[in-house]
Amino acid sequence: MANVRRPQAPTERQLRTFAALRRLVAMLRGPDGCPWDRAQSHESLRHYLTEEASEALEALDADDPARLKEELGDLLLQILLHTQIAEEAREFRMSDVIESIGTKLVRRHPHVFGEALAETPGAVVEQWEDLKRRERNGASALTGVPASLPALSHAQTIQRRAGKAGFEWESEEQAWAALDEELRELREAKTLEERRDEAGDALFALANLVRFLDVEAEEALRSTTRGFSRLFRRVEELAAEKSQDLRETDLETKLSMWEEAKKQKT
């Protein structure tokens, strides 16, 4: 059997360049490349894009630069794969992707590249919102909000857009009152359908309230969930050390182990 001639791998020095990385992705998608890479499409890669973005966020949350470097590389690979697929279909090229974001950056920074003034972060945000309103050209303020965002992030993004369009509570107290009302209706709900609807209303109202408090609901819940997970694992360890089954342990004992786990954390 004749030897199969394989493509030459880039050198370590070449792999430090964007151009070489692009050639590598094109090679993997080429006739002599990888069967898996060749089989991919925009649709088949959708969940990888979400997954890699989530893992990059986890690296940020963990304040782990080494892991963040790796996860950003994985996220960049998804961008390169989608762009390569588009180039093969003659939809657009990498230069179009770069030109698109470059043009947007210049357009959205008239205080840097033009005559506009914006000397504080708040002024910049206000200017961005005004520019985006003009770009929508009469379309809904909610245009462009991705439905695929995590539910809490999606809710707060919708609320911010509606608020900037003028549909907003006038005070934090009103937001508190709205939450109180939704919680009362949830408590009074009888059927499963009513509970689901009222639970959604209550969560939406809570997301809106914490937005008034300058809290990102998604980040707050993720942080609390991570903390609960760490403490619960320690409770499991304590139960094992005491030869106790949490399913059969009384509430007082479980709460005692929870407090012990919290003390060990500090």
Protein backbone atom coordinates (compact mmCIF):
# COMPACT_ATOMS: atom_id res chain seq x y z
CA MET A 1 0.00 0.00 0.00
CA ALA A 2 1.46 3.34 -1.07
CA ASN A 3 2.28 5.86 1.64
CA VAL A 4 -0.38 8.52 2.03
CA ARG A 5 1.08 11.99 1.75
CA ARG A 6 -0.19 14.03 4.67
CA PRO A 7 -0.27 17.82 4.89
CA GLN A 8 2.63 19.38 6.75
CA ALA A 9 1.66 20.68 10.17
CA PRO A 10 2.43 24.35 10.91
CA THR A 11 5.51 25.04 12.99
CA GLU A 12 5.21 26.27 16.58
CA ARG A 13 6.22 29.73 15.44
CA GLN A 14 3.63 29.73 12.67
CA LEU A 15 0.92 28.67 15.11
CA ARG A 16 1.35 31.97 16.92
CA THR A 17 -0.07 33.84 13.91
CA PHE A 18 -3.71 34.37 12.97
CA ALA A 19 -3.01 33.65 9.30
CA ALA A 20 -1.53 30.24 10.08
CA LEU A 21 -4.49 29.37 12.29
CA ARG A 22 -6.87 30.26 9.46
CA ARG A 23 -4.89 28.06 7.06
CA LEU A 24 -4.99 25.23 9.59
CA VAL A 25 -8.78 25.41 9.85
CA ALA A 26 -9.08 25.49 6.04
CA MET A 27 -6.77 22.47 5.88
CA LEU A 28 -8.91 20.53 8.32
CA ARG A 29 -11.96 21.31 6.17
CA GLY A 30 -10.09 20.39 2.96
CA PRO A 31 -10.12 17.14 0.95
CA ASP A 32 -7.17 15.70 2.88
CA GLY A 33 -8.34 17.05 6.22
CA CYS A 34 -10.55 15.68 8.97
CA PRO A 35 -13.83 13.85 8.13
CA TRP A 36 -15.52 15.34 11.22
CA ASP A 37 -14.49 18.91 10.40
CA ARG A 38 -15.58 18.50 6.77
CA ALA A 39 -19.01 17.27 7.87
CA GLN A 40 -19.79 20.32 10.00
CA SER A 41 -22.26 23.06 9.08
CA HIS A 42 -23.47 26.29 10.68
CA GLU A 43 -26.35 24.31 12.18
CA SER A 44 -24.30 21.40 13.54
CA LEU A 45 -21.89 23.81 15.26
CA ARG A 46 -24.59 25.86 17.03
CA HIS A 47 -24.38 24.12 20.40
CA TYR A 48 -20.57 24.20 20.36
CA LEU A 49 -20.67 28.00 20.05
CA THR A 50 -22.94 28.23 23.09
CA GLU A 51 -20.87 25.70 25.02
CA GLU A 52 -17.53 27.41 24.34
CA ALA A 53 -18.93 30.83 25.27
CA SER A 54 -20.24 29.37 28.53
CA GLU A 55 -16.87 27.79 29.34
CA ALA A 56 -15.12 31.11 28.71
CA LEU A 57 -17.52 32.75 31.17
CA GLU A 58 -16.76 30.06 33.74
CA ALA A 59 -13.03 30.78 33.35
CA LEU A 60 -13.74 34.45 33.97
CA ASP A 61 -15.80 33.60 37.04
CA ALA A 62 -12.96 31.42 38.33
CA ASP A 63 -10.44 34.26 37.74
CA ASP A 64 -8.21 31.70 35.99
CA PRO A 65 -6.11 33.41 33.26
CA ALA A 66 -4.58 30.14 32.00
CA ARG A 67 -7.99 28.56 31.57
CA LEU A 68 -9.41 31.75 30.05
CA LYS A 69 -6.63 31.75 27.45
CA GLU A 70 -7.57 28.20 26.46
CA GLU A 71 -11.31 28.84 26.41
CA LEU A 72 -10.92 31.99 24.30
CA GLY A 73 -8.95 29.87 21.85
CA ASP A 74 -11.80 27.36 21.71
CA LEU A 75 -14.26 30.21 21.13
CA LEU A 76 -12.04 31.64 18.39
CA LEU A 77 -12.03 28.22 16.69
CA GLN A 78 -15.82 28.36 16.45
CA ILE A 79 -15.60 31.78 14.77
CA LEU A 80 -13.00 30.48 12.33
CA LEU A 81 -15.03 27.37 11.51
CA HIS A 82 -18.21 29.35 10.81
CA THR A 83 -16.26 31.81 8.68
CA GLN A 84 -14.54 29.00 6.75
CA ILE A 85 -17.90 27.35 6.05
CA ALA A 86 -19.25 30.70 4.85
CA GLU A 87 -16.22 31.25 2.59
CA GLU A 88 -16.70 27.81 1.02
CA ALA A 89 -20.37 28.67 0.35
CA ARG A 90 -19.33 32.09 -1.02
CA GLU A 91 -21.49 33.80 1.62
CA PHE A 92 -18.80 36.05 3.12
CA ARG A 93 -15.09 36.08 3.90
CA MET A 94 -13.01 36.72 7.00
CA SER A 95 -12.17 40.17 5.66
CA ASP A 96 -15.93 40.91 5.61
CA VAL A 97 -16.26 39.81 9.25
CA ILE A 98 -13.33 42.02 10.28
CA GLU A 99 -14.55 44.97 8.20
CA SER A 100 -18.03 44.64 9.70
CA ILE A 101 -16.92 44.90 13.31
CA GLY A 102 -14.29 47.53 12.49
CA THR A 103 -16.87 49.73 10.79
CA LYS A 104 -19.26 49.29 13.71
CA LEU A 105 -16.56 50.21 16.24
CA VAL A 106 -15.77 53.43 14.39
CA ARG A 107 -19.47 54.26 13.96
CA ARG A 108 -20.23 53.58 17.63
CA HIS A 109 -17.29 55.74 18.86
CA PRO A 110 -17.89 59.21 17.40
CA HIS A 111 -16.41 60.63 20.62
CA VAL A 112 -13.09 59.03 19.59
CA PHE A 113 -13.14 59.27 15.80
CA GLY A 114 -15.52 62.20 15.31
CA GLU A 115 -16.65 65.44 16.90
CA ALA A 116 -19.00 64.05 19.56
CA LEU A 117 -18.23 64.42 23.26
CA ALA A 118 -18.56 61.63 25.83
CA GLU A 119 -16.19 61.96 28.77
CA THR A 120 -17.69 59.38 31.15
CA PRO A 121 -18.70 55.72 30.75
CA GLY A 122 -22.32 56.73 31.37
CA ALA A 123 -22.20 59.31 28.60
CA VAL A 124 -20.73 56.70 26.25
CA VAL A 125 -23.56 54.24 27.03
CA GLU A 126 -26.17 56.95 26.45
CA GLN A 127 -24.54 57.79 23.12
CA TRP A 128 -24.45 54.11 22.11
CA GLU A 129 -28.14 53.74 22.83
CA ASP A 130 -28.94 56.80 20.74
CA LEU A 131 -26.86 55.44 17.86
CA LYS A 132 -28.53 52.04 18.09
CA ARG A 133 -31.97 53.67 18.03
CA ARG A 134 -31.04 55.45 14.82
CA GLU A 135 -29.69 52.22 13.32
CA ARG A 136 -32.99 50.44 14.06
CA ASN A 137 -34.69 53.07 11.90
CA GLY A 138 -38.13 52.82 13.51
CA ALA A 139 -38.02 49.10 14.32
CA SER A 140 -38.98 47.87 17.79
CA ALA A 141 -36.60 48.63 20.64
CA LEU A 142 -36.51 44.87 21.23
CA THR A 143 -35.17 44.14 17.74
CA GLY A 144 -32.00 42.08 17.81
CA VAL A 145 -32.31 40.68 21.35
CA PRO A 146 -31.24 37.02 20.98
CA ALA A 147 -33.95 34.63 22.15
CA SER A 148 -31.20 32.08 22.86
CA LEU A 149 -29.83 34.09 25.80
CA PRO A 150 -30.14 32.41 29.22
CA ALA A 151 -33.59 33.19 30.62
CA LEU A 152 -32.52 35.69 33.29
CA SER A 153 -30.14 37.51 30.93
CA HIS A 154 -32.84 37.56 28.29
CA ALA A 155 -35.36 39.04 30.75
CA GLN A 156 -33.02 41.80 31.91
CA THR A 157 -31.93 42.63 28.35
CA ILE A 158 -35.59 42.97 27.31
CA GLN A 159 -36.26 45.10 30.41
CA ARG A 160 -33.29 47.38 29.69
CA ARG A 161 -34.38 47.89 26.09
CA ALA A 162 -37.96 48.62 27.13
CA GLY A 163 -36.72 50.97 29.86
CA LYS A 164 -34.52 52.92 27.47
CA ALA A 165 -37.54 53.22 25.17
CA GLY A 166 -39.45 54.87 28.03
CA PHE A 167 -41.39 51.88 29.42
CA GLU A 168 -40.01 51.70 32.95
CA TRP A 169 -40.92 51.96 36.63
CA GLU A 170 -40.13 55.40 37.98
CA SER A 171 -38.61 54.16 41.24
CA GLU A 172 -37.08 51.19 42.99
CA GLU A 173 -40.06 51.19 45.39
CA GLN A 174 -42.43 50.55 42.48
CA ALA A 175 -40.28 47.61 41.40
CA TRP A 176 -40.43 46.21 44.96
CA ALA A 177 -44.20 46.60 44.98
CA ALA A 178 -44.50 44.79 41.65
CA LEU A 179 -42.46 41.88 43.01
CA ASP A 180 -44.59 41.73 46.18
CA GLU A 181 -47.72 41.59 44.03
CA GLU A 182 -46.38 38.81 41.82
CA LEU A 183 -45.28 36.75 44.83
CA ARG A 184 -48.75 37.13 46.36
CA GLU A 185 -50.33 35.89 43.12
CA LEU A 186 -47.89 32.97 43.00
CA ARG A 187 -48.80 31.99 46.55
CA GLU A 188 -52.51 32.08 45.62
CA ALA A 189 -52.11 30.09 42.36
CA LYS A 190 -54.03 26.79 42.41
CA THR A 191 -53.42 24.86 39.18
CA LEU A 192 -50.08 23.84 37.69
CA GLU A 193 -50.66 26.19 34.75
CA GLU A 194 -51.39 29.10 37.08
CA ARG A 195 -48.29 28.34 39.15
CA ARG A 196 -46.11 28.22 36.05
CA ASP A 197 -47.48 31.53 34.77
CA GLU A 198 -47.22 33.26 38.15
CA ALA A 199 -43.74 31.84 38.76
CA GLY A 200 -42.65 33.34 35.45
CA ASP A 201 -44.18 36.69 36.39
CA ALA A 202 -42.45 36.61 39.79
CA LEU A 203 -39.06 35.73 38.29
CA PHE A 204 -39.47 38.48 35.70
CA ALA A 205 -40.35 40.99 38.42
CA LEU A 206 -37.38 39.90 40.53
CA ALA A 207 -35.04 40.25 37.54
CA ASN A 208 -36.41 43.74 37.00
CA LEU A 209 -35.97 44.69 40.65
CA VAL A 210 -32.34 43.54 40.87
CA ARG A 211 -31.69 45.45 37.64
CA PHE A 212 -32.69 48.58 39.58
CA LEU A 213 -30.09 47.51 42.16
CA ASP A 214 -27.41 47.28 39.39
CA VAL A 215 -27.18 43.51 39.81
CA GLU A 216 -26.86 41.11 36.87
CA ALA A 217 -29.44 38.44 37.71
CA GLU A 218 -27.67 35.72 35.71
CA GLU A 219 -24.33 36.31 37.40
CA ALA A 220 -25.93 36.55 40.86
CA LEU A 221 -27.76 33.25 40.50
CA ARG A 222 -24.74 31.48 39.01
CA SER A 223 -22.58 32.69 41.91
CA THR A 224 -25.11 31.50 44.49
CA THR A 225 -25.52 28.15 42.73
CA ARG A 226 -21.75 27.63 42.68
CA GLY A 227 -21.59 28.45 46.39
CA PHE A 228 -24.46 26.08 47.17
CA SER A 229 -22.78 23.31 45.16
CA ARG A 230 -19.51 23.68 47.08
CA LEU A 231 -21.28 23.64 50.45
CA PHE A 232 -23.56 20.75 49.52
CA ARG A 233 -20.59 18.62 48.51
CA ARG A 234 -19.09 19.31 51.92
CA VAL A 235 -22.40 18.36 53.58
CA GLU A 236 -22.30 15.08 51.65
CA GLU A 237 -18.78 14.49 52.98
CA LEU A 238 -19.87 15.26 56.54
CA ALA A 239 -22.82 12.90 56.23
CA ALA A 240 -20.52 10.16 54.94
CA GLU A 241 -18.10 10.77 57.82
CA LYS A 242 -21.03 10.39 60.26
CA SER A 243 -22.40 7.35 58.36
CA GLN A 244 -25.66 9.19 57.76
CA ASP A 245 -27.98 9.07 54.75
CA LEU A 246 -29.24 12.58 53.95
CA ARG A 247 -32.51 11.11 52.67
CA GLU A 248 -33.19 9.67 56.12
CA THR A 249 -31.68 12.43 58.29
CA ASP A 250 -33.95 14.85 60.11
CA LEU A 251 -34.00 18.52 59.09
CA GLU A 252 -32.34 19.75 62.27
CA THR A 253 -29.31 17.50 61.70
CA LYS A 254 -29.07 18.52 58.06
CA LEU A 255 -29.16 22.21 58.98
CA SER A 256 -26.48 21.57 61.61
CA MET A 257 -24.22 19.98 58.98
CA TRP A 258 -24.93 22.91 56.65
CA GLU A 259 -23.79 25.38 59.30
CA GLU A 260 -20.70 23.25 59.95
CA ALA A 261 -19.91 23.25 56.22
CA LYS A 262 -20.22 27.06 56.13
CA LYS A 263 -17.83 27.42 59.07
CA GLN A 264 -15.28 25.15 57.38
CA LYS A 265 -15.56 27.28 54.24
CA THR A 266 -14.43 30.37 56.17
